[in-house]
Amino acid sequence: MTRKFLIGSALVAILSLGSAPAMAGKIKIQQWGWSNSAGGNQVGKKNRIGIHQNGSWNTGIAEQYGKRNTSAIGQDGYNNYGDTFQRGKRNAAGIGQFGSNHNAIISQDGNGNIAAGVQVGNGCDANVIQAGHGNVAAFVQTCN
């Protein structure tokens, strides 16, 4: 579990370091396997989305409204669903799922909020909702 947690943390860190033109948003999607789907929406300035999926039947969705928000969704396995929603400024959300049949949803409304994740095994569910400013949430689960 430690190795997978470190990989997920590294993925979030790597995706948050990307560079783009001053006013531009950035979206990076990488998928391997079959029947994976990814999508999202950006409204505002300097928002960043990174989605990395390896396996089958994984879904990653990221929506951002505001400035300088970062969303990273990494999924390795089968039939996983990851969704991030951010409204405000300088929010960071990360989901790293390994295994199968996981659901993770992170919603942030405010400024300077941080939410992380990592689910390992089979059948984990997580739902994080943050409203306000400067909130921090982390979840790590091992479900079977």
Protein backbone atom coordinates (compact mmCIF):
# COMPACT_ATOMS: atom_id res chain seq x y z
CA MET A 1 0.00 0.00 0.00
CA THR A 2 2.86 2.41 0.71
CA ARG A 3 4.18 2.09 -2.85
CA LYS A 4 0.76 2.81 -4.34
CA PHE A 5 0.25 5.78 -2.00
CA LEU A 6 3.61 7.20 -3.06
CA ILE A 7 2.78 6.68 -6.73
CA GLY A 8 -0.55 8.48 -6.29
CA SER A 9 1.10 11.33 -4.39
CA ALA A 10 3.80 11.61 -7.04
CA LEU A 11 1.13 11.72 -9.77
CA VAL A 12 -0.62 14.62 -8.04
CA ALA A 13 2.70 16.46 -7.61
CA ILE A 14 3.78 15.92 -11.22
CA LEU A 15 0.48 17.05 -12.66
CA SER A 16 0.51 20.21 -10.55
CA LEU A 17 3.94 21.27 -11.86
CA GLY A 18 3.04 21.57 -15.55
CA SER A 19 3.44 24.88 -17.34
CA ALA A 20 1.28 26.63 -19.92
CA PRO A 21 0.92 30.13 -21.38
CA ALA A 22 -0.07 32.78 -18.81
CA MET A 23 -3.81 32.87 -19.55
CA ALA A 24 -4.22 29.27 -20.69
CA GLY A 25 -5.81 26.30 -19.04
CA LYS A 26 -4.14 22.94 -19.40
CA ILE A 27 -5.71 19.54 -19.93
CA LYS A 28 -3.70 16.34 -20.24
CA ILE A 29 -5.39 12.98 -20.76
CA GLN A 30 -3.56 9.67 -21.06
CA GLN A 31 -5.42 6.37 -21.40
CA TRP A 32 -4.32 2.78 -21.93
CA GLY A 33 -6.59 -0.23 -22.17
CA TRP A 34 -10.09 -0.25 -23.56
CA SER A 35 -13.49 1.37 -22.96
CA ASN A 36 -12.06 4.14 -20.75
CA SER A 37 -13.68 7.58 -20.86
CA ALA A 38 -12.48 11.00 -19.76
CA GLY A 39 -13.92 14.48 -19.96
CA GLY A 40 -14.35 17.76 -18.25
CA ASN A 41 -14.80 21.49 -18.43
CA GLN A 42 -12.71 24.57 -17.65
CA VAL A 43 -13.95 28.14 -17.26
CA GLY A 44 -11.46 30.71 -15.99
CA LYS A 45 -7.70 31.20 -16.07
CA LYS A 46 -4.70 28.97 -15.41
CA ASN A 47 -6.70 25.88 -14.44
CA ARG A 48 -5.05 22.46 -14.88
CA ILE A 49 -6.54 19.00 -15.34
CA GLY A 50 -4.60 15.74 -15.60
CA ILE A 51 -6.25 12.36 -16.13
CA HIS A 52 -4.26 9.12 -16.36
CA GLN A 53 -6.13 5.83 -16.79
CA ASN A 54 -4.80 2.33 -17.30
CA GLY A 55 -7.17 -0.62 -17.53
CA SER A 56 -10.75 -0.93 -18.68
CA TRP A 57 -14.11 0.76 -18.11
CA ASN A 58 -12.62 3.61 -16.07
CA THR A 59 -14.24 7.06 -16.10
CA GLY A 60 -12.56 10.34 -15.12
CA ILE A 61 -14.38 13.69 -15.08
CA ALA A 62 -13.00 17.07 -13.97
CA GLU A 63 -14.80 20.43 -13.91
CA GLN A 64 -13.17 23.73 -12.96
CA TYR A 65 -14.62 27.23 -12.63
CA GLY A 66 -12.28 29.96 -11.44
CA LYS A 67 -8.53 30.49 -11.38
CA ARG A 68 -5.46 28.36 -10.72
CA ASN A 69 -7.30 25.18 -9.77
CA THR A 70 -5.55 21.82 -10.18
CA SER A 71 -7.23 18.45 -10.60
CA ALA A 72 -5.43 15.11 -10.96
CA ILE A 73 -7.21 11.79 -11.47
CA GLY A 74 -5.12 8.62 -11.76
CA GLN A 75 -6.80 5.23 -12.08
CA ASP A 76 -5.22 1.83 -12.58
CA GLY A 77 -7.61 -1.12 -12.77
CA TYR A 78 -11.13 -1.79 -13.88
CA ASN A 79 -14.52 -0.10 -13.56
CA ASN A 80 -13.34 2.89 -11.49
CA TYR A 81 -15.09 6.29 -11.41
CA GLY A 82 -13.31 9.50 -10.39
CA ASP A 83 -14.93 12.95 -10.45
CA THR A 84 -13.65 16.36 -9.31
CA PHE A 85 -15.58 19.64 -9.21
CA GLN A 86 -13.88 22.91 -8.29
CA ARG A 87 -15.23 26.46 -8.06
CA GLY A 88 -13.02 29.25 -6.76
CA LYS A 89 -9.28 29.91 -6.74
CA ARG A 90 -6.20 27.82 -5.99
CA ASN A 91 -7.99 24.60 -5.10
CA ALA A 92 -6.19 21.26 -5.52
CA ALA A 93 -7.88 17.86 -5.87
CA GLY A 94 -6.28 14.46 -6.44
CA ILE A 95 -7.74 10.97 -6.78
CA GLY A 96 -5.53 7.87 -7.14
CA GLN A 97 -7.41 4.58 -7.46
CA PHE A 98 -5.86 1.14 -7.79
CA GLY A 99 -7.91 -2.01 -8.19
CA SER A 100 -11.53 -2.28 -9.26
CA ASN A 101 -15.02 -0.92 -8.69
CA HIS A 102 -14.06 2.27 -6.84
CA ASN A 103 -16.03 5.52 -6.77
CA ALA A 104 -14.47 8.81 -5.65
CA ILE A 105 -16.01 12.28 -5.85
CA ILE A 106 -14.33 15.48 -4.67
CA SER A 107 -16.24 18.80 -4.65
CA GLN A 108 -14.60 22.09 -3.66
CA ASP A 109 -16.28 25.48 -3.50
CA GLY A 110 -14.06 28.26 -2.18
CA ASN A 111 -10.40 29.19 -2.23
CA GLY A 112 -7.21 27.35 -1.27
CA ASN A 113 -8.80 23.98 -0.49
CA ILE A 114 -6.82 20.73 -0.78
CA ALA A 115 -8.29 17.23 -1.10
CA ALA A 116 -6.35 14.04 -1.76
CA GLY A 117 -7.29 10.38 -2.08
CA VAL A 118 -6.02 6.82 -2.82
CA GLN A 119 -8.16 3.72 -2.76
CA VAL A 120 -6.69 0.22 -3.06
CA GLY A 121 -8.38 -3.14 -3.52
CA ASN A 122 -12.01 -3.47 -4.54
CA GLY A 123 -15.23 -1.55 -3.99
CA CYS A 124 -14.22 1.61 -2.10
CA ASP A 125 -16.45 4.68 -2.08
CA ALA A 126 -15.35 8.20 -1.12
CA ASN A 127 -17.17 11.53 -1.25
CA VAL A 128 -15.39 14.69 -0.08
CA ILE A 129 -17.20 18.04 -0.03
CA GLN A 130 -15.37 21.23 0.98
CA ALA A 131 -16.91 24.70 1.15
CA GLY A 132 -15.05 27.75 2.37
CA HIS A 133 -11.38 28.57 2.43
CA GLY A 134 -8.21 26.72 3.42
CA ASN A 135 -9.76 23.31 4.07
CA VAL A 136 -7.61 20.16 3.87
CA ALA A 137 -8.92 16.60 3.52
CA ALA A 138 -7.14 13.31 2.86
CA PHE A 139 -8.48 9.79 2.53
CA VAL A 140 -6.73 6.45 2.16
CA GLN A 141 -8.76 3.25 2.03
CA THR A 142 -8.10 -0.43 1.53
CA CYS A 143 -11.39 -2.10 0.64
CA ASN A 144 -12.24 -5.63 -0.47
